[in-house]
Protein backbone atom coordinates (compact mmCIF):
# COMPACT_ATOMS: atom_id res chain seq x y z
CA MET A 1 72.57 -35.02 -32.14
CA ALA A 2 73.27 -34.55 -28.63
CA SER A 3 72.63 -30.88 -27.22
CA ASN A 4 75.10 -29.32 -25.39
CA PRO A 5 75.78 -29.95 -21.68
CA PRO A 6 74.10 -27.63 -19.28
CA SER A 7 76.27 -25.83 -17.37
CA ASP A 8 74.81 -25.97 -13.84
CA LEU A 9 75.06 -29.32 -13.58
CA PRO A 10 78.55 -30.82 -11.98
CA ALA A 11 81.67 -30.94 -13.36
CA HIS A 12 82.14 -35.17 -12.87
CA ALA A 13 78.35 -34.96 -14.31
CA LEU A 14 79.72 -33.25 -17.80
CA GLU A 15 82.67 -35.24 -17.99
CA ARG A 16 80.22 -38.64 -17.86
CA LEU A 17 77.93 -37.06 -19.91
CA ARG A 18 80.91 -36.23 -22.65
CA THR A 19 82.59 -39.77 -22.60
CA GLY A 20 79.35 -41.95 -22.51
CA ARG A 21 77.00 -42.80 -25.49
CA ALA A 22 76.13 -39.17 -26.67
CA GLY A 23 75.63 -39.72 -30.61
CA GLY A 24 75.51 -43.15 -30.51
CA LYS A 25 78.92 -44.41 -30.02
CA GLY A 26 80.43 -45.36 -26.74
CA MET A 27 79.28 -47.76 -23.52
CA PHE A 28 76.06 -47.26 -22.23
CA THR A 29 75.05 -47.50 -18.06
CA SER A 30 71.67 -48.78 -17.37
CA ASP A 31 69.85 -49.43 -13.86
CA LEU A 32 67.26 -51.97 -16.43
CA THR A 33 67.38 -55.56 -15.06
CA VAL A 34 68.53 -57.85 -18.43
CA ASN A 35 64.37 -58.81 -19.29
CA GLU A 36 64.35 -54.99 -18.98
CA PHE A 37 66.73 -54.04 -20.91
CA LEU A 38 65.80 -56.64 -23.78
CA CYS A 39 62.21 -55.38 -23.67
CA VAL A 40 63.03 -51.72 -24.11
CA ARG A 41 65.72 -52.72 -27.08
CA ALA A 42 62.41 -54.75 -28.75
CA CYS A 43 59.82 -51.91 -28.72
CA GLY A 44 62.56 -50.02 -30.67
CA PHE A 45 65.02 -48.12 -28.35
CA GLU A 46 68.38 -48.44 -27.77
CA PRO A 47 69.68 -47.33 -24.03
CA LEU A 48 72.44 -43.94 -23.92
CA GLY A 49 73.17 -44.20 -20.48
CA LEU A 50 72.12 -44.01 -16.48
CA VAL A 51 70.89 -40.65 -15.57
CA MET A 52 70.62 -38.52 -12.45
CA GLY A 53 69.44 -35.81 -10.67
CA SER A 54 69.64 -35.12 -7.08
CA SER A 55 68.79 -32.20 -4.87
CA ILE A 56 69.67 -31.84 -1.06
CA TYR A 57 67.47 -29.75 0.76
CA HIS A 58 66.57 -27.82 4.18
CA ILE A 59 62.98 -27.95 4.87
CA GLY A 60 61.57 -25.72 7.09
CA TYR A 61 59.76 -25.79 10.04
CA GLN A 62 55.93 -25.60 10.65
CA ARG A 63 54.27 -26.95 13.88
CA GLY A 64 50.74 -27.87 13.41
CA SER A 65 47.30 -27.49 15.77
CA TRP A 66 47.35 -29.94 17.94
CA ASN A 67 43.46 -30.45 18.05
CA GLN A 68 42.99 -29.80 14.10
CA ASN A 69 43.16 -31.45 11.10
CA GLN A 70 45.61 -29.30 8.67
CA GLU A 71 47.98 -29.48 5.63
CA LEU A 72 51.49 -28.38 6.36
CA THR A 73 52.39 -26.24 3.15
CA VAL A 74 55.54 -25.33 4.06
CA LEU A 75 56.68 -28.89 4.35
CA THR A 76 54.22 -29.59 1.62
CA GLN A 77 56.04 -27.29 -0.94
CA ALA A 78 59.22 -28.00 0.09
CA THR A 79 59.39 -31.52 -0.68
CA TYR A 80 57.75 -30.85 -3.55
CA HIS A 81 60.56 -28.70 -5.06
CA ALA A 82 62.76 -30.90 -3.98
CA ARG A 83 61.78 -33.42 -6.20
CA GLU A 84 61.52 -31.10 -8.41
CA LEU A 85 64.91 -30.19 -8.53
CA ALA A 86 66.13 -33.91 -9.26
CA MET A 87 63.81 -34.23 -11.78
CA THR A 88 64.71 -31.56 -13.86
CA ARG A 89 68.92 -32.34 -13.16
CA MET A 90 67.62 -36.22 -14.30
CA GLU A 91 65.89 -34.69 -17.49
CA GLU A 92 69.00 -32.26 -18.46
CA GLU A 93 71.49 -35.26 -18.47
CA ALA A 94 68.88 -37.14 -20.75
CA ASP A 95 68.78 -34.07 -23.08
CA ALA A 96 72.49 -33.64 -23.18
CA LEU A 97 72.53 -37.24 -24.88
CA GLY A 98 70.19 -36.54 -27.17
CA ALA A 99 67.64 -38.61 -25.83
CA ASP A 100 64.21 -39.44 -26.41
CA GLY A 101 63.36 -40.50 -23.13
CA ILE A 102 63.61 -41.73 -19.79
CA VAL A 103 62.89 -45.06 -18.52
CA GLY A 104 62.46 -47.21 -14.99
CA VAL A 105 62.52 -43.71 -12.96
CA ARG A 106 62.63 -44.09 -9.43
CA LEU A 107 62.38 -41.21 -6.66
CA ASP A 108 64.28 -41.48 -3.51
CA VAL A 109 64.43 -39.65 -0.48
CA ASN A 110 67.44 -40.10 1.67
CA ARG A 111 68.59 -38.73 5.50
CA TYR A 112 71.62 -38.13 6.41
CA GLU A 113 73.10 -36.87 9.53
CA TRP A 114 74.08 -33.09 8.63
CA GLY A 115 71.06 -32.04 10.59
CA PRO A 116 67.60 -32.57 11.37
CA GLY A 117 66.11 -30.51 8.62
CA LEU A 118 68.46 -31.92 5.62
CA ALA A 119 67.15 -34.52 2.79
CA GLU A 120 68.66 -35.36 -0.40
CA PHE A 121 65.89 -36.02 -3.23
CA MET A 122 66.96 -38.18 -5.92
CA ALA A 123 65.84 -39.24 -9.52
CA VAL A 124 67.67 -42.06 -11.29
CA GLY A 125 66.71 -43.33 -14.70
CA THR A 126 67.94 -44.57 -18.10
CA ALA A 127 67.88 -42.40 -20.83
CA VAL A 128 67.15 -43.84 -23.95
CA ARG A 129 66.88 -42.83 -27.79
CA ALA A 130 64.46 -44.42 -30.73
CA VAL A 131 66.12 -46.42 -32.98
CA ALA A 132 63.87 -45.24 -35.56
CA GLY A 133 64.31 -41.82 -35.72
CA GLU A 134 60.69 -41.24 -34.92
CA GLY A 135 59.85 -38.37 -32.34
CA TRP A 136 59.16 -39.52 -28.90
CA LYS A 137 59.48 -36.53 -27.55
CA PRO A 138 56.56 -34.46 -25.75
CA PRO A 139 55.04 -31.01 -27.31
CA HIS A 140 57.51 -29.16 -24.70
CA GLY A 141 60.89 -30.46 -26.16
CA LYS A 142 62.27 -32.10 -23.24
CA PRO A 143 62.86 -36.02 -23.26
CA PHE A 144 59.40 -38.18 -21.57
CA THR A 145 59.65 -39.83 -18.45
CA SER A 146 58.29 -42.93 -16.96
CA ASP A 147 58.45 -44.86 -14.09
CA LEU A 148 57.19 -47.87 -15.86
CA SER A 149 59.43 -51.26 -15.95
CA GLY A 150 60.75 -52.34 -19.10
CA GLN A 151 58.48 -55.12 -19.54
CA ASP A 152 55.02 -52.56 -18.73
CA PHE A 153 56.69 -49.98 -21.51
CA TRP A 154 56.80 -52.62 -23.91
CA THR A 155 53.34 -53.68 -23.40
CA LEU A 156 52.61 -49.71 -23.46
CA VAL A 157 54.21 -48.90 -26.75
CA GLN A 158 53.10 -52.39 -28.37
CA THR A 159 49.53 -51.45 -28.06
CA GLY A 160 49.49 -48.24 -29.13
CA TYR A 161 50.11 -45.65 -26.29
CA ARG A 162 53.28 -43.82 -25.64
CA PRO A 163 54.50 -41.91 -22.12
CA LEU A 164 54.01 -38.12 -21.75
CA ALA A 165 55.79 -37.50 -18.45
CA LEU A 166 56.10 -39.01 -14.82
CA VAL A 167 53.59 -36.58 -13.32
CA MET A 168 53.20 -36.77 -9.13
CA GLY A 169 51.54 -34.66 -6.54
CA ASN A 170 52.01 -34.74 -2.87
CA CYS A 171 50.47 -33.38 0.67
CA VAL A 172 51.99 -33.52 4.21
CA TYR A 173 49.32 -33.07 6.74
CA HIS A 174 49.36 -33.05 10.34
CA ILE A 175 46.64 -35.41 11.70
CA ALA A 176 45.37 -33.98 14.86
CA HIS A 177 45.79 -35.67 18.52
CA GLN A 178 42.92 -37.16 20.27
CA GLY A 179 41.34 -35.18 23.10
CA LEU A 180 41.85 -36.60 26.87
CA GLY A 181 37.72 -36.62 26.76
CA GLN A 182 37.14 -38.66 23.43
CA TRP A 183 39.80 -41.21 24.73
CA MET A 184 38.02 -41.70 27.90
CA ARG A 185 34.56 -42.26 26.09
CA GLN A 186 36.28 -44.52 23.87
CA VAL A 187 38.15 -46.97 25.78
CA GLY A 188 37.15 -50.42 25.48
CA GLN A 189 35.28 -49.98 22.60
CA ASN A 190 35.43 -50.93 18.77
CA VAL A 191 34.51 -47.52 17.44
CA GLU A 192 36.00 -45.62 14.05
CA MET A 193 38.55 -43.00 14.75
CA THR A 194 36.81 -40.53 12.36
CA ASN A 195 39.29 -37.46 13.21
CA PHE A 196 42.10 -39.96 11.89
CA THR A 197 40.21 -41.19 8.87
CA GLN A 198 39.14 -38.23 7.68
CA GLY A 199 42.65 -36.73 8.01
CA LEU A 200 44.26 -39.25 5.86
CA TYR A 201 41.57 -39.34 3.56
CA ASP A 202 41.97 -35.47 3.13
CA ALA A 203 45.71 -36.06 2.68
CA ARG A 204 45.97 -38.96 -0.03
CA GLU A 205 42.56 -36.67 -2.31
CA LEU A 206 45.06 -33.81 -2.33
CA ALA A 207 48.02 -35.55 -3.31
CA MET A 208 45.94 -37.43 -6.29
CA GLU A 209 43.87 -34.06 -7.03
CA ARG A 210 47.57 -32.51 -7.72
CA MET A 211 49.15 -35.55 -9.65
CA GLU A 212 45.92 -35.22 -11.99
CA ALA A 213 46.13 -32.00 -12.64
CA GLU A 214 49.80 -32.59 -13.65
CA ALA A 215 48.65 -34.84 -16.25
CA THR A 216 46.11 -32.42 -17.51
CA GLN A 217 48.72 -29.38 -18.05
CA VAL A 218 50.88 -32.08 -20.20
CA GLN A 219 47.32 -33.34 -21.85
CA ALA A 220 47.51 -36.93 -20.93
CA GLN A 221 44.30 -39.10 -21.71
CA GLY A 222 45.24 -40.78 -18.37
CA ILE A 223 47.90 -42.14 -15.66
CA VAL A 224 49.42 -45.58 -15.48
CA GLY A 225 51.00 -47.29 -12.82
CA VAL A 226 49.73 -44.68 -10.33
CA ARG A 227 51.39 -45.22 -6.83
CA LEU A 228 50.74 -43.57 -3.06
CA GLN A 229 53.38 -43.92 -1.25
CA GLU A 230 53.19 -42.52 2.31
CA GLY A 231 56.65 -41.37 4.90
CA SER A 232 57.08 -38.90 7.61
CA HIS A 233 60.72 -38.64 6.51
CA GLY A 234 62.43 -38.04 10.26
CA TRP A 235 58.74 -35.36 11.55
CA GLU A 236 57.40 -35.77 14.38
CA SER A 237 54.00 -38.97 14.84
CA HIS A 238 51.43 -36.95 13.30
CA ILE A 239 52.92 -35.34 10.42
CA ILE A 240 52.87 -37.41 7.45
CA GLU A 241 53.37 -36.88 3.52
CA TYR A 242 51.40 -38.89 0.69
CA PHE A 243 52.96 -39.13 -2.21
CA ALA A 244 51.54 -40.02 -5.56
CA VAL A 245 53.04 -40.76 -8.65
CA GLY A 246 52.60 -42.35 -12.12
CA THR A 247 52.99 -42.43 -15.68
CA ALA A 248 50.88 -39.67 -17.77
CA VAL A 249 50.37 -41.35 -21.28
CA VAL A 250 48.72 -40.62 -24.54
CA THR A 251 47.29 -42.42 -27.75
CA ALA A 252 50.42 -42.71 -30.17
CA PRO A 253 49.78 -40.67 -33.66
CA GLY A 254 47.32 -43.02 -36.31
CA ALA A 255 47.02 -45.39 -33.21
CA ASP A 256 43.37 -45.94 -33.12
CA ALA A 257 42.92 -49.61 -32.47
CA HIS A 258 44.86 -50.94 -29.57
CA GLU A 259 45.15 -54.80 -30.09
CA VAL A 260 46.19 -56.33 -27.01
CA LYS A 261 47.38 -59.64 -27.45
CA PRO A 262 46.16 -62.45 -25.21
CA PRO A 263 48.17 -63.86 -22.21
CA GLN A 264 50.67 -66.64 -23.17
CA LEU A 265 50.55 -69.90 -20.29
CA VAL A 266 54.42 -70.20 -18.95
CA LEU A 267 55.42 -73.23 -17.68
CA PRO A 268 57.82 -73.38 -14.84
CA LEU A 269 60.54 -76.13 -16.25
CA THR A 270 61.66 -77.04 -12.36
CA ASP A 271 59.46 -78.50 -9.73
CA GLY A 272 59.98 -75.71 -7.41
CA PRO A 273 62.54 -74.10 -4.99
CA GLY A 274 65.74 -76.61 -5.22
CA ALA A 275 64.66 -78.79 -7.97
């Protein structure tokens, strides 16, 4: 049975949820491809509807020291909190539909011309429910979230694992500028730019550590499908964000042995493009 839709969602979102497939009736919507949709159905889930969350966030200003590698914590906290707000609202929509989880989640960042410090952080995915009624929600009681494709989700479930949550970590970092003396000494030479190497390495490590900390909080056994993304989001050239994201997983209850079927050979029926 679907719970009451949260009152802080927009009116049009509430209307869409009321006329959607809450309670197993009505028409579902999904951003899954046909193959993904069939894989999700094959492992015992039915789609309930496309769910989304959005946060248009004003990102504060912080200047980095010219010749120093350093994290810009004001920007890190802003970009993380904005994504967290979008994720929470997406989960609220799924909860209102009575979903057990959300598959195929994607997180996007969009810039508009309303102001230089404004960005929209958006979370989108397909809410699903287990047909057999088995409890798939994590211990915190909210729907599970996963950015795995439908095919990867099917493989994960078939081998005795289940997703817990989409976990993420980020770091906005200022990379020190090269001094004039250093530039003069390196003209025409093959040499590693150690300040750049160390800065980028440190930023990636901070993002990864924070993602792993989120997985630890939900008592995951591991994280699959990890991606490291980088972007400047319109900041100056020496400021970059590293964003680590993946799906935290755990062994399903009673699934001690994981039988992984060997891959099958698939031959195309055509001779190539244009055949």
